[in-house]
PDBML (XML) file of the C-alpha atoms, coordinates in Angstrom:
<?xml version="1.0" encoding="UTF-8" ?>
<PDBx:datablock datablockName="MODEL"
   xmlns:PDBx="http://pdbml.pdb.org/schema/pdbx-v50.xsd"
   xmlns:xsi="http://www.w3.org/2001/XMLSchema-instance"
   xsi:schemaLocation="http://pdbml.pdb.org/schema/pdbx-v50.xsd pdbx-v50.xsd">
   <PDBx:atom_siteCategory>
      <PDBx:atom_site id="1">
         <PDBx:B_iso_or_equiv>0.00</PDBx:B_iso_or_equiv>
         <PDBx:Cartn_x>34.597</PDBx:Cartn_x>
         <PDBx:Cartn_y>-249.051</PDBx:Cartn_y>
         <PDBx:Cartn_z>18.568</PDBx:Cartn_z>
         <PDBx:auth_asym_id>A</PDBx:auth_asym_id>
         <PDBx:auth_atom_id>CA</PDBx:auth_atom_id>
         <PDBx:auth_comp_id>ASN</PDBx:auth_comp_id>
         <PDBx:auth_seq_id>1</PDBx:auth_seq_id>
         <PDBx:group_PDB>ATOM</PDBx:group_PDB>
         <PDBx:label_alt_id xsi:nil="true" />
         <PDBx:label_asym_id>A</PDBx:label_asym_id>
         <PDBx:label_atom_id>CA</PDBx:label_atom_id>
         <PDBx:label_comp_id>ASN</PDBx:label_comp_id>
         <PDBx:label_entity_id>1</PDBx:label_entity_id>
         <PDBx:label_seq_id>1</PDBx:label_seq_id>
         <PDBx:occupancy>1.00</PDBx:occupancy>
         <PDBx:pdbx_PDB_model_num>1</PDBx:pdbx_PDB_model_num>
         <PDBx:type_symbol>C</PDBx:type_symbol>
      </PDBx:atom_site>
      <PDBx:atom_site id="2">
         <PDBx:B_iso_or_equiv>0.00</PDBx:B_iso_or_equiv>
         <PDBx:Cartn_x>30.902</PDBx:Cartn_x>
         <PDBx:Cartn_y>-248.947</PDBx:Cartn_y>
         <PDBx:Cartn_z>17.644</PDBx:Cartn_z>
         <PDBx:auth_asym_id>A</PDBx:auth_asym_id>
         <PDBx:auth_atom_id>CA</PDBx:auth_atom_id>
         <PDBx:auth_comp_id>LYS</PDBx:auth_comp_id>
         <PDBx:auth_seq_id>2</PDBx:auth_seq_id>
         <PDBx:group_PDB>ATOM</PDBx:group_PDB>
         <PDBx:label_alt_id xsi:nil="true" />
         <PDBx:label_asym_id>A</PDBx:label_asym_id>
         <PDBx:label_atom_id>CA</PDBx:label_atom_id>
         <PDBx:label_comp_id>LYS</PDBx:label_comp_id>
         <PDBx:label_entity_id>1</PDBx:label_entity_id>
         <PDBx:label_seq_id>2</PDBx:label_seq_id>
         <PDBx:occupancy>1.00</PDBx:occupancy>
         <PDBx:pdbx_PDB_model_num>1</PDBx:pdbx_PDB_model_num>
         <PDBx:type_symbol>C</PDBx:type_symbol>
      </PDBx:atom_site>
      <PDBx:atom_site id="3">
         <PDBx:B_iso_or_equiv>0.00</PDBx:B_iso_or_equiv>
         <PDBx:Cartn_x>30.780</PDBx:Cartn_x>
         <PDBx:Cartn_y>-245.144</PDBx:Cartn_y>
         <PDBx:Cartn_z>17.497</PDBx:Cartn_z>
         <PDBx:auth_asym_id>A</PDBx:auth_asym_id>
         <PDBx:auth_atom_id>CA</PDBx:auth_atom_id>
         <PDBx:auth_comp_id>ILE</PDBx:auth_comp_id>
         <PDBx:auth_seq_id>3</PDBx:auth_seq_id>
         <PDBx:group_PDB>ATOM</PDBx:group_PDB>
         <PDBx:label_alt_id xsi:nil="true" />
         <PDBx:label_asym_id>A</PDBx:label_asym_id>
         <PDBx:label_atom_id>CA</PDBx:label_atom_id>
         <PDBx:label_comp_id>ILE</PDBx:label_comp_id>
         <PDBx:label_entity_id>1</PDBx:label_entity_id>
         <PDBx:label_seq_id>3</PDBx:label_seq_id>
         <PDBx:occupancy>1.00</PDBx:occupancy>
         <PDBx:pdbx_PDB_model_num>1</PDBx:pdbx_PDB_model_num>
         <PDBx:type_symbol>C</PDBx:type_symbol>
      </PDBx:atom_site>
      <PDBx:atom_site id="4">
         <PDBx:B_iso_or_equiv>0.00</PDBx:B_iso_or_equiv>
         <PDBx:Cartn_x>33.609</PDBx:Cartn_x>
         <PDBx:Cartn_y>-245.035</PDBx:Cartn_y>
         <PDBx:Cartn_z>14.955</PDBx:Cartn_z>
         <PDBx:auth_asym_id>A</PDBx:auth_asym_id>
         <PDBx:auth_atom_id>CA</PDBx:auth_atom_id>
         <PDBx:auth_comp_id>HIS</PDBx:auth_comp_id>
         <PDBx:auth_seq_id>4</PDBx:auth_seq_id>
         <PDBx:group_PDB>ATOM</PDBx:group_PDB>
         <PDBx:label_alt_id xsi:nil="true" />
         <PDBx:label_asym_id>A</PDBx:label_asym_id>
         <PDBx:label_atom_id>CA</PDBx:label_atom_id>
         <PDBx:label_comp_id>HIS</PDBx:label_comp_id>
         <PDBx:label_entity_id>1</PDBx:label_entity_id>
         <PDBx:label_seq_id>4</PDBx:label_seq_id>
         <PDBx:occupancy>1.00</PDBx:occupancy>
         <PDBx:pdbx_PDB_model_num>1</PDBx:pdbx_PDB_model_num>
         <PDBx:type_symbol>C</PDBx:type_symbol>
      </PDBx:atom_site>
      <PDBx:atom_site id="5">
         <PDBx:B_iso_or_equiv>0.00</PDBx:B_iso_or_equiv>
         <PDBx:Cartn_x>32.014</PDBx:Cartn_x>
         <PDBx:Cartn_y>-247.828</PDBx:Cartn_y>
         <PDBx:Cartn_z>12.896</PDBx:Cartn_z>
         <PDBx:auth_asym_id>A</PDBx:auth_asym_id>
         <PDBx:auth_atom_id>CA</PDBx:auth_atom_id>
         <PDBx:auth_comp_id>VAL</PDBx:auth_comp_id>
         <PDBx:auth_seq_id>5</PDBx:auth_seq_id>
         <PDBx:group_PDB>ATOM</PDBx:group_PDB>
         <PDBx:label_alt_id xsi:nil="true" />
         <PDBx:label_asym_id>A</PDBx:label_asym_id>
         <PDBx:label_atom_id>CA</PDBx:label_atom_id>
         <PDBx:label_comp_id>VAL</PDBx:label_comp_id>
         <PDBx:label_entity_id>1</PDBx:label_entity_id>
         <PDBx:label_seq_id>5</PDBx:label_seq_id>
         <PDBx:occupancy>1.00</PDBx:occupancy>
         <PDBx:pdbx_PDB_model_num>1</PDBx:pdbx_PDB_model_num>
         <PDBx:type_symbol>C</PDBx:type_symbol>
      </PDBx:atom_site>
      <PDBx:atom_site id="6">
         <PDBx:B_iso_or_equiv>0.00</PDBx:B_iso_or_equiv>
         <PDBx:Cartn_x>28.769</PDBx:Cartn_x>
         <PDBx:Cartn_y>-245.835</PDBx:Cartn_y>
         <PDBx:Cartn_z>12.878</PDBx:Cartn_z>
         <PDBx:auth_asym_id>A</PDBx:auth_asym_id>
         <PDBx:auth_atom_id>CA</PDBx:auth_atom_id>
         <PDBx:auth_comp_id>GLU</PDBx:auth_comp_id>
         <PDBx:auth_seq_id>6</PDBx:auth_seq_id>
         <PDBx:group_PDB>ATOM</PDBx:group_PDB>
         <PDBx:label_alt_id xsi:nil="true" />
         <PDBx:label_asym_id>A</PDBx:label_asym_id>
         <PDBx:label_atom_id>CA</PDBx:label_atom_id>
         <PDBx:label_comp_id>GLU</PDBx:label_comp_id>
         <PDBx:label_entity_id>1</PDBx:label_entity_id>
         <PDBx:label_seq_id>6</PDBx:label_seq_id>
         <PDBx:occupancy>1.00</PDBx:occupancy>
         <PDBx:pdbx_PDB_model_num>1</PDBx:pdbx_PDB_model_num>
         <PDBx:type_symbol>C</PDBx:type_symbol>
      </PDBx:atom_site>
      <PDBx:atom_site id="7">
         <PDBx:B_iso_or_equiv>0.00</PDBx:B_iso_or_equiv>
         <PDBx:Cartn_x>30.613</PDBx:Cartn_x>
         <PDBx:Cartn_y>-242.649</PDBx:Cartn_y>
         <PDBx:Cartn_z>11.849</PDBx:Cartn_z>
         <PDBx:auth_asym_id>A</PDBx:auth_asym_id>
         <PDBx:auth_atom_id>CA</PDBx:auth_atom_id>
         <PDBx:auth_comp_id>THR</PDBx:auth_comp_id>
         <PDBx:auth_seq_id>7</PDBx:auth_seq_id>
         <PDBx:group_PDB>ATOM</PDBx:group_PDB>
         <PDBx:label_alt_id xsi:nil="true" />
         <PDBx:label_asym_id>A</PDBx:label_asym_id>
         <PDBx:label_atom_id>CA</PDBx:label_atom_id>
         <PDBx:label_comp_id>THR</PDBx:label_comp_id>
         <PDBx:label_entity_id>1</PDBx:label_entity_id>
         <PDBx:label_seq_id>7</PDBx:label_seq_id>
         <PDBx:occupancy>1.00</PDBx:occupancy>
         <PDBx:pdbx_PDB_model_num>1</PDBx:pdbx_PDB_model_num>
         <PDBx:type_symbol>C</PDBx:type_symbol>
      </PDBx:atom_site>
      <PDBx:atom_site id="8">
         <PDBx:B_iso_or_equiv>0.00</PDBx:B_iso_or_equiv>
         <PDBx:Cartn_x>32.301</PDBx:Cartn_x>
         <PDBx:Cartn_y>-244.425</PDBx:Cartn_y>
         <PDBx:Cartn_z>8.945</PDBx:Cartn_z>
         <PDBx:auth_asym_id>A</PDBx:auth_asym_id>
         <PDBx:auth_atom_id>CA</PDBx:auth_atom_id>
         <PDBx:auth_comp_id>ILE</PDBx:auth_comp_id>
         <PDBx:auth_seq_id>8</PDBx:auth_seq_id>
         <PDBx:group_PDB>ATOM</PDBx:group_PDB>
         <PDBx:label_alt_id xsi:nil="true" />
         <PDBx:label_asym_id>A</PDBx:label_asym_id>
         <PDBx:label_atom_id>CA</PDBx:label_atom_id>
         <PDBx:label_comp_id>ILE</PDBx:label_comp_id>
         <PDBx:label_entity_id>1</PDBx:label_entity_id>
         <PDBx:label_seq_id>8</PDBx:label_seq_id>
         <PDBx:occupancy>1.00</PDBx:occupancy>
         <PDBx:pdbx_PDB_model_num>1</PDBx:pdbx_PDB_model_num>
         <PDBx:type_symbol>C</PDBx:type_symbol>
      </PDBx:atom_site>
      <PDBx:atom_site id="9">
         <PDBx:B_iso_or_equiv>0.00</PDBx:B_iso_or_equiv>
         <PDBx:Cartn_x>29.046</PDBx:Cartn_x>
         <PDBx:Cartn_y>-246.073</PDBx:Cartn_y>
         <PDBx:Cartn_z>7.832</PDBx:Cartn_z>
         <PDBx:auth_asym_id>A</PDBx:auth_asym_id>
         <PDBx:auth_atom_id>CA</PDBx:auth_atom_id>
         <PDBx:auth_comp_id>CYS</PDBx:auth_comp_id>
         <PDBx:auth_seq_id>9</PDBx:auth_seq_id>
         <PDBx:group_PDB>ATOM</PDBx:group_PDB>
         <PDBx:label_alt_id xsi:nil="true" />
         <PDBx:label_asym_id>A</PDBx:label_asym_id>
         <PDBx:label_atom_id>CA</PDBx:label_atom_id>
         <PDBx:label_comp_id>CYS</PDBx:label_comp_id>
         <PDBx:label_entity_id>1</PDBx:label_entity_id>
         <PDBx:label_seq_id>9</PDBx:label_seq_id>
         <PDBx:occupancy>1.00</PDBx:occupancy>
         <PDBx:pdbx_PDB_model_num>1</PDBx:pdbx_PDB_model_num>
         <PDBx:type_symbol>C</PDBx:type_symbol>
      </PDBx:atom_site>
      <PDBx:atom_site id="10">
         <PDBx:B_iso_or_equiv>0.00</PDBx:B_iso_or_equiv>
         <PDBx:Cartn_x>27.165</PDBx:Cartn_x>
         <PDBx:Cartn_y>-242.762</PDBx:Cartn_y>
         <PDBx:Cartn_z>7.881</PDBx:Cartn_z>
         <PDBx:auth_asym_id>A</PDBx:auth_asym_id>
         <PDBx:auth_atom_id>CA</PDBx:auth_atom_id>
         <PDBx:auth_comp_id>GLN</PDBx:auth_comp_id>
         <PDBx:auth_seq_id>10</PDBx:auth_seq_id>
         <PDBx:group_PDB>ATOM</PDBx:group_PDB>
         <PDBx:label_alt_id xsi:nil="true" />
         <PDBx:label_asym_id>A</PDBx:label_asym_id>
         <PDBx:label_atom_id>CA</PDBx:label_atom_id>
         <PDBx:label_comp_id>GLN</PDBx:label_comp_id>
         <PDBx:label_entity_id>1</PDBx:label_entity_id>
         <PDBx:label_seq_id>10</PDBx:label_seq_id>
         <PDBx:occupancy>1.00</PDBx:occupancy>
         <PDBx:pdbx_PDB_model_num>1</PDBx:pdbx_PDB_model_num>
         <PDBx:type_symbol>C</PDBx:type_symbol>
      </PDBx:atom_site>
      <PDBx:atom_site id="11">
         <PDBx:B_iso_or_equiv>0.00</PDBx:B_iso_or_equiv>
         <PDBx:Cartn_x>29.963</PDBx:Cartn_x>
         <PDBx:Cartn_y>-241.124</PDBx:Cartn_y>
         <PDBx:Cartn_z>5.916</PDBx:Cartn_z>
         <PDBx:auth_asym_id>A</PDBx:auth_asym_id>
         <PDBx:auth_atom_id>CA</PDBx:auth_atom_id>
         <PDBx:auth_comp_id>TYR</PDBx:auth_comp_id>
         <PDBx:auth_seq_id>11</PDBx:auth_seq_id>
         <PDBx:group_PDB>ATOM</PDBx:group_PDB>
         <PDBx:label_alt_id xsi:nil="true" />
         <PDBx:label_asym_id>A</PDBx:label_asym_id>
         <PDBx:label_atom_id>CA</PDBx:label_atom_id>
         <PDBx:label_comp_id>TYR</PDBx:label_comp_id>
         <PDBx:label_entity_id>1</PDBx:label_entity_id>
         <PDBx:label_seq_id>11</PDBx:label_seq_id>
         <PDBx:occupancy>1.00</PDBx:occupancy>
         <PDBx:pdbx_PDB_model_num>1</PDBx:pdbx_PDB_model_num>
         <PDBx:type_symbol>C</PDBx:type_symbol>
      </PDBx:atom_site>
      <PDBx:atom_site id="12">
         <PDBx:B_iso_or_equiv>0.00</PDBx:B_iso_or_equiv>
         <PDBx:Cartn_x>30.049</PDBx:Cartn_x>
         <PDBx:Cartn_y>-243.895</PDBx:Cartn_y>
         <PDBx:Cartn_z>3.280</PDBx:Cartn_z>
         <PDBx:auth_asym_id>A</PDBx:auth_asym_id>
         <PDBx:auth_atom_id>CA</PDBx:auth_atom_id>
         <PDBx:auth_comp_id>VAL</PDBx:auth_comp_id>
         <PDBx:auth_seq_id>12</PDBx:auth_seq_id>
         <PDBx:group_PDB>ATOM</PDBx:group_PDB>
         <PDBx:label_alt_id xsi:nil="true" />
         <PDBx:label_asym_id>A</PDBx:label_asym_id>
         <PDBx:label_atom_id>CA</PDBx:label_atom_id>
         <PDBx:label_comp_id>VAL</PDBx:label_comp_id>
         <PDBx:label_entity_id>1</PDBx:label_entity_id>
         <PDBx:label_seq_id>12</PDBx:label_seq_id>
         <PDBx:occupancy>1.00</PDBx:occupancy>
         <PDBx:pdbx_PDB_model_num>1</PDBx:pdbx_PDB_model_num>
         <PDBx:type_symbol>C</PDBx:type_symbol>
      </PDBx:atom_site>
      <PDBx:atom_site id="13">
         <PDBx:B_iso_or_equiv>0.00</PDBx:B_iso_or_equiv>
         <PDBx:Cartn_x>26.257</PDBx:Cartn_x>
         <PDBx:Cartn_y>-243.702</PDBx:Cartn_y>
         <PDBx:Cartn_z>2.844</PDBx:Cartn_z>
         <PDBx:auth_asym_id>A</PDBx:auth_asym_id>
         <PDBx:auth_atom_id>CA</PDBx:auth_atom_id>
         <PDBx:auth_comp_id>THR</PDBx:auth_comp_id>
         <PDBx:auth_seq_id>13</PDBx:auth_seq_id>
         <PDBx:group_PDB>ATOM</PDBx:group_PDB>
         <PDBx:label_alt_id xsi:nil="true" />
         <PDBx:label_asym_id>A</PDBx:label_asym_id>
         <PDBx:label_atom_id>CA</PDBx:label_atom_id>
         <PDBx:label_comp_id>THR</PDBx:label_comp_id>
         <PDBx:label_entity_id>1</PDBx:label_entity_id>
         <PDBx:label_seq_id>13</PDBx:label_seq_id>
         <PDBx:occupancy>1.00</PDBx:occupancy>
         <PDBx:pdbx_PDB_model_num>1</PDBx:pdbx_PDB_model_num>
         <PDBx:type_symbol>C</PDBx:type_symbol>
      </PDBx:atom_site>
      <PDBx:atom_site id="14">
         <PDBx:B_iso_or_equiv>0.00</PDBx:B_iso_or_equiv>
         <PDBx:Cartn_x>26.465</PDBx:Cartn_x>
         <PDBx:Cartn_y>-239.955</PDBx:Cartn_y>
         <PDBx:Cartn_z>2.192</PDBx:Cartn_z>
         <PDBx:auth_asym_id>A</PDBx:auth_asym_id>
         <PDBx:auth_atom_id>CA</PDBx:auth_atom_id>
         <PDBx:auth_comp_id>GLU</PDBx:auth_comp_id>
         <PDBx:auth_seq_id>14</PDBx:auth_seq_id>
         <PDBx:group_PDB>ATOM</PDBx:group_PDB>
         <PDBx:label_alt_id xsi:nil="true" />
         <PDBx:label_asym_id>A</PDBx:label_asym_id>
         <PDBx:label_atom_id>CA</PDBx:label_atom_id>
         <PDBx:label_comp_id>GLU</PDBx:label_comp_id>
         <PDBx:label_entity_id>1</PDBx:label_entity_id>
         <PDBx:label_seq_id>14</PDBx:label_seq_id>
         <PDBx:occupancy>1.00</PDBx:occupancy>
         <PDBx:pdbx_PDB_model_num>1</PDBx:pdbx_PDB_model_num>
         <PDBx:type_symbol>C</PDBx:type_symbol>
      </PDBx:atom_site>
      <PDBx:atom_site id="15">
         <PDBx:B_iso_or_equiv>0.00</PDBx:B_iso_or_equiv>
         <PDBx:Cartn_x>29.541</PDBx:Cartn_x>
         <PDBx:Cartn_y>-240.332</PDBx:Cartn_y>
         <PDBx:Cartn_z>-0.021</PDBx:Cartn_z>
         <PDBx:auth_asym_id>A</PDBx:auth_asym_id>
         <PDBx:auth_atom_id>CA</PDBx:auth_atom_id>
         <PDBx:auth_comp_id>HIS</PDBx:auth_comp_id>
         <PDBx:auth_seq_id>15</PDBx:auth_seq_id>
         <PDBx:group_PDB>ATOM</PDBx:group_PDB>
         <PDBx:label_alt_id xsi:nil="true" />
         <PDBx:label_asym_id>A</PDBx:label_asym_id>
         <PDBx:label_atom_id>CA</PDBx:label_atom_id>
         <PDBx:label_comp_id>HIS</PDBx:label_comp_id>
         <PDBx:label_entity_id>1</PDBx:label_entity_id>
         <PDBx:label_seq_id>15</PDBx:label_seq_id>
         <PDBx:occupancy>1.00</PDBx:occupancy>
         <PDBx:pdbx_PDB_model_num>1</PDBx:pdbx_PDB_model_num>
         <PDBx:type_symbol>C</PDBx:type_symbol>
      </PDBx:atom_site>
      <PDBx:atom_site id="16">
         <PDBx:B_iso_or_equiv>0.00</PDBx:B_iso_or_equiv>
         <PDBx:Cartn_x>27.790</PDBx:Cartn_x>
         <PDBx:Cartn_y>-242.909</PDBx:Cartn_y>
         <PDBx:Cartn_z>-2.220</PDBx:Cartn_z>
         <PDBx:auth_asym_id>A</PDBx:auth_asym_id>
         <PDBx:auth_atom_id>CA</PDBx:auth_atom_id>
         <PDBx:auth_comp_id>LEU</PDBx:auth_comp_id>
         <PDBx:auth_seq_id>16</PDBx:auth_seq_id>
         <PDBx:group_PDB>ATOM</PDBx:group_PDB>
         <PDBx:label_alt_id xsi:nil="true" />
         <PDBx:label_asym_id>A</PDBx:label_asym_id>
         <PDBx:label_atom_id>CA</PDBx:label_atom_id>
         <PDBx:label_comp_id>LEU</PDBx:label_comp_id>
         <PDBx:label_entity_id>1</PDBx:label_entity_id>
         <PDBx:label_seq_id>16</PDBx:label_seq_id>
         <PDBx:occupancy>1.00</PDBx:occupancy>
         <PDBx:pdbx_PDB_model_num>1</PDBx:pdbx_PDB_model_num>
         <PDBx:type_symbol>C</PDBx:type_symbol>
      </PDBx:atom_site>
      <PDBx:atom_site id="17">
         <PDBx:B_iso_or_equiv>0.00</PDBx:B_iso_or_equiv>
         <PDBx:Cartn_x>24.655</PDBx:Cartn_x>
         <PDBx:Cartn_y>-240.765</PDBx:Cartn_y>
         <PDBx:Cartn_z>-2.418</PDBx:Cartn_z>
         <PDBx:auth_asym_id>A</PDBx:auth_asym_id>
         <PDBx:auth_atom_id>CA</PDBx:auth_atom_id>
         <PDBx:auth_comp_id>LYS</PDBx:auth_comp_id>
         <PDBx:auth_seq_id>17</PDBx:auth_seq_id>
         <PDBx:group_PDB>ATOM</PDBx:group_PDB>
         <PDBx:label_alt_id xsi:nil="true" />
         <PDBx:label_asym_id>A</PDBx:label_asym_id>
         <PDBx:label_atom_id>CA</PDBx:label_atom_id>
         <PDBx:label_comp_id>LYS</PDBx:label_comp_id>
         <PDBx:label_entity_id>1</PDBx:label_entity_id>
         <PDBx:label_seq_id>17</PDBx:label_seq_id>
         <PDBx:occupancy>1.00</PDBx:occupancy>
         <PDBx:pdbx_PDB_model_num>1</PDBx:pdbx_PDB_model_num>
         <PDBx:type_symbol>C</PDBx:type_symbol>
      </PDBx:atom_site>
      <PDBx:atom_site id="18">
         <PDBx:B_iso_or_equiv>0.00</PDBx:B_iso_or_equiv>
         <PDBx:Cartn_x>26.727</PDBx:Cartn_x>
         <PDBx:Cartn_y>-237.756</PDBx:Cartn_y>
         <PDBx:Cartn_z>-3.518</PDBx:Cartn_z>
         <PDBx:auth_asym_id>A</PDBx:auth_asym_id>
         <PDBx:auth_atom_id>CA</PDBx:auth_atom_id>
         <PDBx:auth_comp_id>ALA</PDBx:auth_comp_id>
         <PDBx:auth_seq_id>18</PDBx:auth_seq_id>
         <PDBx:group_PDB>ATOM</PDBx:group_PDB>
         <PDBx:label_alt_id xsi:nil="true" />
         <PDBx:label_asym_id>A</PDBx:label_asym_id>
         <PDBx:label_atom_id>CA</PDBx:label_atom_id>
         <PDBx:label_comp_id>ALA</PDBx:label_comp_id>
         <PDBx:label_entity_id>1</PDBx:label_entity_id>
         <PDBx:label_seq_id>18</PDBx:label_seq_id>
         <PDBx:occupancy>1.00</PDBx:occupancy>
         <PDBx:pdbx_PDB_model_num>1</PDBx:pdbx_PDB_model_num>
         <PDBx:type_symbol>C</PDBx:type_symbol>
      </PDBx:atom_site>
      <PDBx:atom_site id="19">
         <PDBx:B_iso_or_equiv>0.00</PDBx:B_iso_or_equiv>
         <PDBx:Cartn_x>28.403</PDBx:Cartn_x>
         <PDBx:Cartn_y>-239.929</PDBx:Cartn_y>
         <PDBx:Cartn_z>-6.176</PDBx:Cartn_z>
         <PDBx:auth_asym_id>A</PDBx:auth_asym_id>
         <PDBx:auth_atom_id>CA</PDBx:auth_atom_id>
         <PDBx:auth_comp_id>PHE</PDBx:auth_comp_id>
         <PDBx:auth_seq_id>19</PDBx:auth_seq_id>
         <PDBx:group_PDB>ATOM</PDBx:group_PDB>
         <PDBx:label_alt_id xsi:nil="true" />
         <PDBx:label_asym_id>A</PDBx:label_asym_id>
         <PDBx:label_atom_id>CA</PDBx:label_atom_id>
         <PDBx:label_comp_id>PHE</PDBx:label_comp_id>
         <PDBx:label_entity_id>1</PDBx:label_entity_id>
         <PDBx:label_seq_id>19</PDBx:label_seq_id>
         <PDBx:occupancy>1.00</PDBx:occupancy>
         <PDBx:pdbx_PDB_model_num>1</PDBx:pdbx_PDB_model_num>
         <PDBx:type_symbol>C</PDBx:type_symbol>
      </PDBx:atom_site>
      <PDBx:atom_site id="20">
         <PDBx:B_iso_or_equiv>0.00</PDBx:B_iso_or_equiv>
         <PDBx:Cartn_x>25.126</PDBx:Cartn_x>
         <PDBx:Cartn_y>-241.386</PDBx:Cartn_y>
         <PDBx:Cartn_z>-7.472</PDBx:Cartn_z>
         <PDBx:auth_asym_id>A</PDBx:auth_asym_id>
         <PDBx:auth_atom_id>CA</PDBx:auth_atom_id>
         <PDBx:auth_comp_id>LYS</PDBx:auth_comp_id>
         <PDBx:auth_seq_id>20</PDBx:auth_seq_id>
         <PDBx:group_PDB>ATOM</PDBx:group_PDB>
         <PDBx:label_alt_id xsi:nil="true" />
         <PDBx:label_asym_id>A</PDBx:label_asym_id>
         <PDBx:label_atom_id>CA</PDBx:label_atom_id>
         <PDBx:label_comp_id>LYS</PDBx:label_comp_id>
         <PDBx:label_entity_id>1</PDBx:label_entity_id>
         <PDBx:label_seq_id>20</PDBx:label_seq_id>
         <PDBx:occupancy>1.00</PDBx:occupancy>
         <PDBx:pdbx_PDB_model_num>1</PDBx:pdbx_PDB_model_num>
         <PDBx:type_symbol>C</PDBx:type_symbol>
      </PDBx:atom_site>
      <PDBx:atom_site id="21">
         <PDBx:B_iso_or_equiv>0.00</PDBx:B_iso_or_equiv>
         <PDBx:Cartn_x>23.578</PDBx:Cartn_x>
         <PDBx:Cartn_y>-237.888</PDBx:Cartn_y>
         <PDBx:Cartn_z>-7.530</PDBx:Cartn_z>
         <PDBx:auth_asym_id>A</PDBx:auth_asym_id>
         <PDBx:auth_atom_id>CA</PDBx:auth_atom_id>
         <PDBx:auth_comp_id>ASP</PDBx:auth_comp_id>
         <PDBx:auth_seq_id>21</PDBx:auth_seq_id>
         <PDBx:group_PDB>ATOM</PDBx:group_PDB>
         <PDBx:label_alt_id xsi:nil="true" />
         <PDBx:label_asym_id>A</PDBx:label_asym_id>
         <PDBx:label_atom_id>CA</PDBx:label_atom_id>
         <PDBx:label_comp_id>ASP</PDBx:label_comp_id>
         <PDBx:label_entity_id>1</PDBx:label_entity_id>
         <PDBx:label_seq_id>21</PDBx:label_seq_id>
         <PDBx:occupancy>1.00</PDBx:occupancy>
         <PDBx:pdbx_PDB_model_num>1</PDBx:pdbx_PDB_model_num>
         <PDBx:type_symbol>C</PDBx:type_symbol>
      </PDBx:atom_site>
      <PDBx:atom_site id="22">
         <PDBx:B_iso_or_equiv>0.00</PDBx:B_iso_or_equiv>
         <PDBx:Cartn_x>26.575</PDBx:Cartn_x>
         <PDBx:Cartn_y>-236.662</PDBx:Cartn_y>
         <PDBx:Cartn_z>-9.618</PDBx:Cartn_z>
         <PDBx:auth_asym_id>A</PDBx:auth_asym_id>
         <PDBx:auth_atom_id>CA</PDBx:auth_atom_id>
         <PDBx:auth_comp_id>ALA</PDBx:auth_comp_id>
         <PDBx:auth_seq_id>22</PDBx:auth_seq_id>
         <PDBx:group_PDB>ATOM</PDBx:group_PDB>
         <PDBx:label_alt_id xsi:nil="true" />
         <PDBx:label_asym_id>A</PDBx:label_asym_id>
         <PDBx:label_atom_id>CA</PDBx:label_atom_id>
         <PDBx:label_comp_id>ALA</PDBx:label_comp_id>
         <PDBx:label_entity_id>1</PDBx:label_entity_id>
         <PDBx:label_seq_id>22</PDBx:label_seq_id>
         <PDBx:occupancy>1.00</PDBx:occupancy>
         <PDBx:pdbx_PDB_model_num>1</PDBx:pdbx_PDB_model_num>
         <PDBx:type_symbol>C</PDBx:type_symbol>
      </PDBx:atom_site>
      <PDBx:atom_site id="23">
         <PDBx:B_iso_or_equiv>0.00</PDBx:B_iso_or_equiv>
         <PDBx:Cartn_x>27.633</PDBx:Cartn_x>
         <PDBx:Cartn_y>-234.150</PDBx:Cartn_y>
         <PDBx:Cartn_z>-6.948</PDBx:Cartn_z>
         <PDBx:auth_asym_id>A</PDBx:auth_asym_id>
         <PDBx:auth_atom_id>CA</PDBx:auth_atom_id>
         <PDBx:auth_comp_id>LYS</PDBx:auth_comp_id>
         <PDBx:auth_seq_id>23</PDBx:auth_seq_id>
         <PDBx:group_PDB>ATOM</PDBx:group_PDB>
         <PDBx:label_alt_id xsi:nil="true" />
         <PDBx:label_asym_id>A</PDBx:label_asym_id>
         <PDBx:label_atom_id>CA</PDBx:label_atom_id>
         <PDBx:label_comp_id>LYS</PDBx:label_comp_id>
         <PDBx:label_entity_id>1</PDBx:label_entity_id>
         <PDBx:label_seq_id>23</PDBx:label_seq_id>
         <PDBx:occupancy>1.00</PDBx:occupancy>
         <PDBx:pdbx_PDB_model_num>1</PDBx:pdbx_PDB_model_num>
         <PDBx:type_symbol>C</PDBx:type_symbol>
      </PDBx:atom_site>
      <PDBx:atom_site id="24">
         <PDBx:B_iso_or_equiv>0.00</PDBx:B_iso_or_equiv>
         <PDBx:Cartn_x>31.101</PDBx:Cartn_x>
         <PDBx:Cartn_y>-235.720</PDBx:Cartn_y>
         <PDBx:Cartn_z>-6.914</PDBx:Cartn_z>
         <PDBx:auth_asym_id>A</PDBx:auth_asym_id>
         <PDBx:auth_atom_id>CA</PDBx:auth_atom_id>
         <PDBx:auth_comp_id>ILE</PDBx:auth_comp_id>
         <PDBx:auth_seq_id>24</PDBx:auth_seq_id>
         <PDBx:group_PDB>ATOM</PDBx:group_PDB>
         <PDBx:label_alt_id xsi:nil="true" />
         <PDBx:label_asym_id>A</PDBx:label_asym_id>
         <PDBx:label_atom_id>CA</PDBx:label_atom_id>
         <PDBx:label_comp_id>ILE</PDBx:label_comp_id>
         <PDBx:label_entity_id>1</PDBx:label_entity_id>
         <PDBx:label_seq_id>24</PDBx:label_seq_id>
         <PDBx:occupancy>1.00</PDBx:occupancy>
         <PDBx:pdbx_PDB_model_num>1</PDBx:pdbx_PDB_model_num>
         <PDBx:type_symbol>C</PDBx:type_symbol>
      </PDBx:atom_site>
   </PDBx:atom_siteCategory>
</PDBx:datablock>
């Protein structure tokens, strides 16, 4: 559903930011 798609997309955005910022 759209809520779950939004949750996943928000997570992936933060995950990628953490990776690019060398936090993970």
